[in-house]
C-alpha cells in the first residue's frame, strides 16, 4: 500500500501544455488510495477540461472565487481548501505561476489557496528550455525551496517548441514515486521493524469447543496499520479474528493458541526494534484436548487446566535493544496491578485499559487508555477511536526512541 493512501491531495493545475498529463496523475493518486481535489488557473482550462479532472477525482474542480453560473452569491473558500489538504502539488508549474508564488502574488484562486495552505507543497516545473534556464526562473526555484516547498525537477526531452532539452515536466509515474519516496524518508519509524501481537487465543477443549475471550483484535490491527503508515516494517501476529490485513505490506501471521503465539513472537523478537503485545492471551489451556467431540453425559464436567507460557515475560527477559510495550486490562486496583506487571515483565511502558470505563475494552470501536512508564510517570487520554489511540501509543514510542 502506498504511503499516500488515505492522504488528501490538492492538485493545482496551471496553463502549460503538460496539463494534459494531470488526468493520468489524478488516476494514479486515486489508485494509490488518496483523496484528490483539483484547482486550476482560468487559463489552464484551455489545456485540459475541468470535466475530465472532476470525473477522475470525483470532486468538483475549482478555478474561481465564485461559483460559476451561480447567482446565489456562494463563494469558494480558498482558506478552507488549503487547510483540507495533507499535501499540495502544483503540476505543471509554469514560469508565470512560479514567479507569482515566489513573490506572494494572489491574482487567482490557485495562488490564494497556495498562500493559505499549511501542508507540504510540491511543485513540478514545466516550461521551455530557455525559460527553465533563465536566471529569474532559477532564482524563483531557490526562493520557493527556501520557503520549505519541494521541487520535483523537470526532465530533458522533446518540448512543445520543438526544441529538445531540460524543462519537460516529470512523468506522472515519476511524480508519484518522488512524492512517495520523499514522504517515506521523513517517516519517524522508517528503517524500524515492529512486532505486534493482536486478538484472542483459542485453547482447544475438543475439535468443537475452546477456551477464549472477547477480544476482536481491532486495537492490534490499528496499531499495525499506524506503524506501517509511519514507515515501519511490521510483523503482526494475530489470534483468531475476522479482521483482514490492513496493509498488504504487513507480514500477517495467523495463529490459534497461546503456544502458537509464543513460538511466533519469540522467533521474531530478536530481529525487531519495537514490540507491542496487545493480544489478549489465554492464561491457561486444557491439559488434555480431546480428539473427538466430547458428548454430553454427566451433569458436570471437570477440566484440568495448565498454565500457558507467559509471552510478555519471556520477551522481557530476552529484551536487549528493543522497546517493549504491554497492555493491561483490569477491573480493580487498575494502576497498582498495571504497575506491577510493568516492573515484573521488564516493559518500557504499559497501556492500561479499565473495563470500568465506558467505551473501553473488547468489541468496541473506541478505547480509553492510561500509559504508565517505568520511571513512575503516567499519562492519561480521553476516550478516542482505536485508530486515534494507536496513534497516541506510537507517538509515545517515537518519543521514547528519540531519547
Protein backbone atom coordinates (compact mmCIF):
# COMPACT_ATOMS: atom_id res chain seq x y z
CA UNK A 1 0.00 0.00 0.00
CA UNK A 2 1.27 3.45 -0.92
CA UNK A 3 2.34 5.90 1.80
CA UNK A 4 -0.13 8.38 0.27
CA UNK A 5 -3.06 6.04 0.88
CA UNK A 6 -5.70 7.95 2.83
CA UNK A 7 -4.00 11.30 2.29
CA UNK A 8 -5.84 14.34 0.97
CA UNK A 9 -4.04 15.75 -2.05
CA UNK A 10 -4.74 19.16 -3.54
CA UNK A 11 -3.57 19.33 -7.16
CA UNK A 12 -3.01 22.76 -8.67
CA UNK A 13 -3.00 22.84 -12.48
CA UNK A 14 -1.58 25.82 -14.38
CA UNK A 15 -1.62 26.79 -18.04
CA UNK A 16 1.06 24.68 -19.70
CA UNK A 17 0.82 22.05 -22.41
CA UNK A 18 1.87 19.45 -19.80
CA UNK A 19 -1.53 19.98 -18.15
CA UNK A 20 -2.83 17.07 -20.23
CA UNK A 21 -0.72 14.76 -18.04
CA UNK A 22 -2.71 15.70 -14.94
CA UNK A 23 -5.52 13.37 -15.97
CA UNK A 24 -3.09 10.46 -15.63
CA UNK A 25 -1.70 11.93 -12.42
CA UNK A 26 -5.13 12.12 -10.79
CA UNK A 27 -5.81 8.49 -11.71
CA UNK A 28 -2.51 7.39 -10.17
CA UNK A 29 -3.26 9.24 -6.93
CA UNK A 30 -6.76 7.74 -6.71
CA UNK A 31 -5.41 4.25 -7.45
CA UNK A 32 -2.85 4.73 -4.65
CA UNK A 33 -5.71 5.36 -2.21
CA UNK A 34 -5.56 9.16 -1.94
CA UNK A 35 -8.41 11.66 -2.00
CA UNK A 36 -7.88 14.29 -4.68
CA UNK A 37 -9.27 17.77 -5.24
CA UNK A 38 -8.21 19.92 -8.18
CA UNK A 39 -7.85 23.68 -8.54
CA UNK A 40 -6.97 25.28 -11.87
CA UNK A 41 -5.93 28.66 -13.11
CA UNK A 42 -8.54 30.02 -15.55
CA UNK A 43 -6.10 29.70 -18.46
CA UNK A 44 -5.35 26.05 -17.59
CA UNK A 45 -8.85 25.13 -18.80
CA UNK A 46 -7.64 25.71 -22.34
CA UNK A 47 -5.31 22.71 -21.99
CA UNK A 48 -7.41 20.19 -20.02
CA UNK A 49 -11.09 20.39 -19.19
CA UNK A 50 -12.44 20.64 -15.65
CA UNK A 51 -14.97 17.95 -16.60
CA UNK A 52 -12.17 15.45 -17.19
CA UNK A 53 -10.47 16.15 -13.89
CA UNK A 54 -13.69 16.30 -11.86
CA UNK A 55 -14.79 12.95 -13.32
CA UNK A 56 -11.48 11.32 -12.43
CA UNK A 57 -11.17 12.90 -8.98
CA UNK A 58 -14.89 12.57 -8.17
CA UNK A 59 -14.75 16.14 -6.83
CA UNK A 60 -15.71 19.49 -8.25
CA UNK A 61 -12.84 21.32 -9.95
CA UNK A 62 -12.46 24.93 -8.81
CA UNK A 63 -10.91 27.75 -10.81
CA UNK A 64 -12.50 30.93 -9.45
CA UNK A 65 -13.55 32.51 -6.17
CA UNK A 66 -17.25 32.42 -7.04
CA UNK A 67 -19.46 29.61 -8.24
CA UNK A 68 -19.64 29.91 -11.99
CA UNK A 69 -23.15 30.45 -13.39
CA UNK A 70 -24.45 30.63 -9.82
CA UNK A 71 -26.33 33.71 -8.71
CA UNK A 72 -26.70 32.66 -5.06
CA UNK A 73 -23.60 34.63 -4.05
CA UNK A 74 -21.82 31.46 -2.91
CA UNK A 75 -18.03 31.60 -2.98
CA UNK A 76 -15.22 29.05 -2.93
CA UNK A 77 -13.30 29.18 0.32
CA UNK A 78 -9.59 29.04 -0.54
CA UNK A 79 -8.59 29.03 3.16
CA UNK A 80 -10.74 26.01 3.92
CA UNK A 81 -9.39 24.17 0.89
CA UNK A 82 -5.80 24.97 1.79
CA UNK A 83 -6.34 23.63 5.31
CA UNK A 84 -8.10 20.50 4.00
CA UNK A 85 -5.03 19.17 2.20
CA UNK A 86 -2.36 16.87 3.62
CA UNK A 87 -0.16 17.89 0.72
CA UNK A 88 -0.41 20.23 -2.26
CA UNK A 89 1.12 19.61 -5.68
CA UNK A 90 1.30 22.24 -8.40
CA UNK A 91 1.81 20.47 -11.72
CA UNK A 92 2.52 21.72 -14.23
CA UNK A 93 4.04 24.76 -12.56
CA UNK A 94 4.62 27.37 -15.26
CA UNK A 95 7.23 30.11 -15.09
CA UNK A 96 4.43 32.65 -14.63
CA UNK A 97 2.87 30.84 -11.66
CA UNK A 98 6.24 30.09 -10.06
CA UNK A 99 7.15 33.77 -10.23
CA UNK A 100 3.88 34.76 -8.56
CA UNK A 101 4.33 32.09 -5.87
CA UNK A 102 7.83 33.37 -5.13
CA UNK A 103 6.65 36.98 -4.86
CA UNK A 104 3.46 36.26 -2.91
CA UNK A 105 1.09 37.47 -5.63
CA UNK A 106 -2.51 36.31 -5.37
CA UNK A 107 -4.42 37.15 -8.53
CA UNK A 108 -6.24 33.84 -8.96
CA UNK A 109 -7.86 31.15 -6.83
CA UNK A 110 -4.97 28.69 -7.11
CA UNK A 111 -2.43 31.22 -5.81
CA UNK A 112 -4.71 32.28 -2.95
CA UNK A 113 -5.10 28.63 -1.97
CA UNK A 114 -1.34 28.09 -2.13
CA UNK A 115 -0.76 31.04 0.18
CA UNK A 116 -3.37 29.66 2.60
CA UNK A 117 -2.02 26.13 2.72
CA UNK A 118 -0.34 24.76 5.85
CA UNK A 119 0.71 21.44 4.36
CA UNK A 120 3.85 20.38 2.47
CA UNK A 121 3.85 21.83 -1.06
CA UNK A 122 5.46 20.21 -4.10
CA UNK A 123 5.86 21.86 -7.48
CA UNK A 124 6.74 20.29 -10.83
CA UNK A 125 8.07 22.92 -13.26
CA UNK A 126 7.17 22.72 -16.94
CA UNK A 127 8.40 25.24 -19.50
CA UNK A 128 10.66 25.63 -22.49
CA UNK A 129 14.41 25.18 -22.29
CA UNK A 130 15.45 28.85 -22.25
CA UNK A 131 12.74 29.73 -19.71
CA UNK A 132 13.85 26.89 -17.43
CA UNK A 133 17.47 28.08 -17.57
CA UNK A 134 16.72 31.78 -17.18
CA UNK A 135 18.32 33.33 -14.07
CA UNK A 136 14.98 34.67 -12.84
CA UNK A 137 13.45 31.20 -13.01
CA UNK A 138 16.42 29.68 -11.19
CA UNK A 139 16.12 32.38 -8.55
CA UNK A 140 12.42 31.56 -8.12
CA UNK A 141 13.28 27.89 -7.65
CA UNK A 142 15.66 28.86 -4.85
CA UNK A 143 13.15 31.21 -3.23
CA UNK A 144 10.39 28.60 -3.25
CA UNK A 145 12.59 25.86 -1.81
CA UNK A 146 13.77 28.29 0.88
CA UNK A 147 10.09 28.63 1.87
CA UNK A 148 10.06 24.87 2.53
CA UNK A 149 8.46 23.86 -0.76
CA UNK A 150 9.83 20.82 -2.57
CA UNK A 151 10.73 20.93 -6.24
CA UNK A 152 10.20 17.90 -8.47
CA UNK A 153 12.89 18.56 -11.10
CA UNK A 154 11.96 18.75 -14.75
CA UNK A 155 13.47 16.22 -17.11
CA UNK A 156 15.04 16.51 -20.53
CA UNK A 157 13.20 15.62 -23.69
CA UNK A 158 11.21 16.97 -26.59
CA UNK A 159 9.49 20.26 -25.71
CA UNK A 160 6.40 21.94 -27.12
CA UNK A 161 8.56 24.44 -29.02
CA UNK A 162 10.17 21.63 -30.97
CA UNK A 163 13.43 22.01 -29.09
CA UNK A 164 14.84 19.21 -27.02
CA UNK A 165 16.27 19.81 -23.58
CA UNK A 166 15.57 20.46 -19.93
CA UNK A 167 12.15 21.76 -18.91
CA UNK A 168 9.83 18.85 -19.59
CA UNK A 169 7.53 18.11 -16.63
CA UNK A 170 8.31 14.84 -14.89
CA UNK A 171 6.05 11.98 -15.95
CA UNK A 172 3.05 11.21 -13.69
CA UNK A 173 4.54 7.88 -12.56
CA UNK A 174 7.79 9.62 -11.62
CA UNK A 175 5.95 12.40 -9.77
CA UNK A 176 4.07 9.83 -7.70
CA UNK A 177 7.27 7.94 -6.90
CA UNK A 178 9.09 11.16 -5.99
CA UNK A 179 6.37 12.14 -3.52
CA UNK A 180 6.16 8.63 -2.05
CA UNK A 181 9.94 8.46 -1.59
CA UNK A 182 10.09 11.96 -0.12
CA UNK A 183 7.35 11.19 2.40
CA UNK A 184 8.92 7.83 3.28
CA UNK A 185 12.28 9.47 4.03
CA UNK A 186 10.72 11.63 6.72
CA UNK A 187 8.60 8.95 8.39
CA UNK A 188 9.62 8.54 12.06
CA UNK A 189 9.63 4.72 12.01
CA UNK A 190 11.44 4.33 8.72
CA UNK A 191 14.02 1.51 8.90
CA UNK A 192 12.41 0.22 12.11
CA UNK A 193 10.93 -3.25 12.49
CA UNK A 194 7.87 -3.57 14.71
CA UNK A 195 6.31 -6.75 16.15
CA UNK A 196 2.67 -6.57 17.26
CA UNK A 197 0.51 -9.29 18.79
CA UNK A 198 -3.25 -8.97 18.47
CA UNK A 199 -6.57 -10.64 19.16
CA UNK A 200 -7.51 -13.56 21.41
CA UNK A 201 -6.10 -17.05 21.58
CA UNK A 202 -8.29 -20.14 21.43
CA UNK A 203 -7.37 -23.09 23.64
CA UNK A 204 -8.98 -26.27 22.34
CA UNK A 205 -11.13 -28.43 24.62
CA UNK A 206 -12.06 -30.68 21.72
CA UNK A 207 -12.40 -30.14 17.94
CA UNK A 208 -15.56 -28.04 18.52
CA UNK A 209 -15.09 -26.17 21.81
CA UNK A 210 -12.41 -23.87 23.13
CA UNK A 211 -11.46 -21.51 25.95
CA UNK A 212 -11.12 -17.95 24.68
CA UNK A 213 -12.10 -14.35 25.32
CA UNK A 214 -13.98 -11.50 23.68
CA UNK A 215 -11.03 -9.72 22.09
CA UNK A 216 -11.73 -8.65 18.49
CA UNK A 217 -8.10 -7.83 17.67
CA UNK A 218 -9.04 -4.37 16.42
CA UNK A 219 -6.62 -2.49 18.69
CA UNK A 220 -3.69 -4.56 17.49
CA UNK A 221 -4.69 -4.26 13.83
CA UNK A 222 -4.98 -0.47 14.21
CA UNK A 223 -1.53 -0.39 15.78
CA UNK A 224 -0.14 -2.39 12.86
CA UNK A 225 -1.75 -0.09 10.29
CA UNK A 226 -0.49 3.02 12.09
CA UNK A 227 3.05 1.64 12.45
CA UNK A 228 3.17 0.83 8.74
CA UNK A 229 1.90 4.30 7.82
CA UNK A 230 4.78 5.73 9.88
CA UNK A 231 7.28 3.79 7.80
CA UNK A 232 7.90 0.68 9.89
CA UNK A 233 8.26 -2.85 8.66
CA UNK A 234 5.51 -4.62 10.57
CA UNK A 235 5.05 -8.21 11.71
CA UNK A 236 1.51 -8.74 13.00
CA UNK A 237 0.85 -11.98 14.90
CA UNK A 238 -2.88 -12.39 15.30
CA UNK A 239 -5.06 -14.90 17.09
CA UNK A 240 -8.43 -15.90 15.57
CA UNK A 241 -10.26 -12.82 14.27
CA UNK A 242 -12.45 -11.87 11.32
CA UNK A 243 -10.29 -8.81 10.61
CA UNK A 244 -8.42 -8.60 7.31
CA UNK A 245 -4.85 -7.45 6.84
CA UNK A 246 -4.99 -3.62 6.86
CA UNK A 247 -1.99 -3.31 4.54
CA UNK A 248 -0.62 -5.87 2.11
CA UNK A 249 2.90 -4.84 3.13
CA UNK A 250 2.27 -6.01 6.71
CA UNK A 251 3.52 -9.54 7.41
CA UNK A 252 0.38 -11.05 8.96
CA UNK A 253 0.89 -14.35 10.78
CA UNK A 254 -2.32 -16.02 11.97
CA UNK A 255 -2.18 -18.35 14.97
CA UNK A 256 -4.71 -20.14 17.16
CA UNK A 257 -3.35 -20.89 20.61
CA UNK A 258 -1.15 -19.16 23.16
CA UNK A 259 1.59 -21.68 22.45
CA UNK A 260 1.39 -20.84 18.73
CA UNK A 261 1.64 -17.14 19.51
CA UNK A 262 4.52 -17.71 21.93
CA UNK A 263 6.50 -19.60 19.30
CA UNK A 264 5.92 -16.93 16.64
CA UNK A 265 6.64 -14.00 18.96
CA UNK A 266 9.85 -15.45 20.38
CA UNK A 267 11.00 -16.37 16.87
CA UNK A 268 10.75 -12.81 15.51
CA UNK A 269 11.50 -10.79 18.65
CA UNK A 270 15.34 -10.84 18.35
CA UNK A 271 15.19 -9.10 14.96
CA UNK A 272 12.78 -6.26 15.81
CA UNK A 273 13.31 -2.79 17.26
CA UNK A 274 9.88 -2.42 18.87
CA UNK A 275 7.38 -4.97 20.20
CA UNK A 276 3.81 -4.18 21.25
CA UNK A 277 1.96 -7.02 22.97
CA UNK A 278 -1.70 -6.06 22.61
CA UNK A 279 -3.07 -9.61 22.30
CA UNK A 280 -5.43 -10.95 24.95
CA UNK A 281 -3.62 -14.23 25.54
CA UNK A 282 -5.31 -17.04 27.46
CA UNK A 283 -3.52 -17.65 30.74
CA UNK A 284 -4.50 -21.34 30.84
CA UNK A 285 -5.27 -24.18 28.44
CA UNK A 286 -6.80 -27.62 28.95
CA UNK A 287 -4.18 -30.15 29.97
CA UNK A 288 -5.72 -32.60 27.54
CA UNK A 289 -7.56 -31.73 24.35
CA UNK A 290 -9.96 -34.44 23.14
CA UNK A 291 -9.51 -35.61 19.57
CA UNK A 292 -13.27 -36.19 19.20
CA UNK A 293 -16.22 -34.07 20.28
CA UNK A 294 -16.99 -34.64 23.95
CA UNK A 295 -20.53 -35.95 24.34
CA UNK A 296 -22.86 -34.57 26.97
CA UNK A 297 -23.29 -37.22 29.67
CA UNK A 298 -22.79 -36.29 33.32
CA UNK A 299 -24.32 -33.23 34.99
CA UNK A 300 -20.89 -31.71 35.46
CA UNK A 301 -17.57 -31.91 33.68
CA UNK A 302 -14.16 -31.20 35.12
CA UNK A 303 -11.40 -29.59 33.05
CA UNK A 304 -7.85 -29.64 34.29
CA UNK A 305 -6.05 -26.51 33.15
CA UNK A 306 -2.34 -25.85 32.86
CA UNK A 307 -0.57 -22.55 32.59
CA UNK A 308 0.31 -21.17 29.17
CA UNK A 309 3.77 -19.73 28.55
CA UNK A 310 3.95 -16.04 29.52
CA UNK A 311 4.76 -14.38 26.20
CA UNK A 312 5.35 -10.89 27.55
CA UNK A 313 7.56 -12.06 30.42
CA UNK A 314 9.63 -14.14 28.01
CA UNK A 315 10.12 -11.16 25.71
CA UNK A 316 11.04 -9.01 28.71
CA UNK A 317 13.72 -11.48 29.76
CA UNK A 318 15.12 -11.62 26.23
CA UNK A 319 15.00 -7.85 25.69
CA UNK A 320 18.26 -6.17 24.69
CA UNK A 321 17.89 -3.12 22.45
CA UNK A 322 14.12 -3.38 21.92
CA UNK A 323 11.39 -1.07 23.16
CA UNK A 324 8.79 -3.38 24.72
CA UNK A 325 5.19 -2.29 25.38
CA UNK A 326 2.47 -4.32 27.07
CA UNK A 327 -1.25 -3.95 27.74
CA UNK A 328 -3.15 -4.46 30.97
CA UNK A 329 -6.92 -4.90 31.05
CA UNK A 330 -8.06 -4.51 34.65
CA UNK A 331 -11.31 -4.40 36.62
CA UNK A 332 -9.99 -3.45 40.06
CA UNK A 333 -6.87 -1.86 41.56
CA UNK A 334 -6.10 -0.90 37.97
CA UNK A 335 -2.97 1.23 38.33
CA UNK A 336 -1.46 -0.94 41.06
CA UNK A 337 -1.91 -4.12 39.04
CA UNK A 338 -0.65 -2.50 35.83
CA UNK A 339 2.42 -1.05 37.59
CA UNK A 340 3.26 -4.47 38.96
CA UNK A 341 3.04 -6.01 35.51
CA UNK A 342 5.20 -3.22 34.10
CA UNK A 343 8.01 -3.99 36.54
CA UNK A 344 7.75 -7.79 36.54
CA UNK A 345 7.88 -8.08 32.78
CA UNK A 346 10.62 -5.51 32.13
CA UNK A 347 8.48 -3.20 29.97
CA UNK A 348 9.26 0.32 28.82
CA UNK A 349 5.64 1.28 29.36
CA UNK A 350 2.27 -0.36 29.76
CA UNK A 351 -1.10 0.64 28.32
CA UNK A 352 -3.85 0.37 30.91
CA UNK A 353 -7.46 -0.32 29.96
CA UNK A 354 -10.16 -0.42 32.61
CA UNK A 355 -13.39 -2.27 31.98
CA UNK A 356 -14.93 0.21 34.39
CA UNK A 357 -14.56 2.92 31.71
CA UNK A 358 -17.44 3.15 29.27
CA UNK A 359 -16.24 2.75 25.68
CA UNK A 360 -13.07 0.86 26.59
CA UNK A 361 -12.16 -2.81 26.30
CA UNK A 362 -13.26 -5.53 23.92
CA UNK A 363 -15.62 -5.31 20.94
CA UNK A 364 -15.63 -1.53 20.90
CA UNK A 365 -14.69 0.99 18.22
CA UNK A 366 -13.28 3.25 20.93
CA UNK A 367 -10.82 2.95 23.77
CA UNK A 368 -9.73 4.93 26.80
CA UNK A 369 -6.19 4.38 27.97
CA UNK A 370 -3.67 5.46 30.56
CA UNK A 371 0.03 4.90 29.96
CA UNK A 372 2.30 4.00 32.88
CA UNK A 373 6.04 4.48 32.34
CA UNK A 374 8.82 2.61 34.11
CA UNK A 375 10.04 5.84 35.75
CA UNK A 376 6.71 6.09 37.59
CA UNK A 377 5.14 8.78 35.39
CA UNK A 378 1.65 8.33 33.99
CA UNK A 379 -0.23 9.91 31.10
CA UNK A 380 -4.00 9.72 30.69
CA UNK A 381 -6.01 10.12 27.49
CA UNK A 382 -9.65 10.84 26.77
CA UNK A 383 -11.87 8.28 25.07
CA UNK A 384 -11.00 8.11 21.38
CA UNK A 385 -11.39 5.88 18.36
CA UNK A 386 -8.98 2.95 18.34
CA UNK A 387 -7.33 4.48 15.27
CA UNK A 388 -6.52 7.61 17.29
CA UNK A 389 -5.44 5.56 20.30
CA UNK A 390 -3.00 3.65 18.09
CA UNK A 391 -1.53 6.98 17.02
CA UNK A 392 -1.16 8.11 20.62
CA UNK A 393 0.64 4.91 21.63
CA UNK A 394 3.03 5.08 18.68
CA UNK A 395 3.75 8.76 19.36
CA UNK A 396 4.90 7.78 22.86
CA UNK A 397 7.10 5.05 21.40
CA UNK A 398 8.65 7.53 18.95
CA UNK A 399 9.38 9.98 21.77
CA UNK A 400 10.96 7.17 23.79
CA UNK A 401 13.11 6.03 20.86
CA UNK A 402 14.39 9.58 20.35
CA UNK A 403 15.60 9.98 23.94
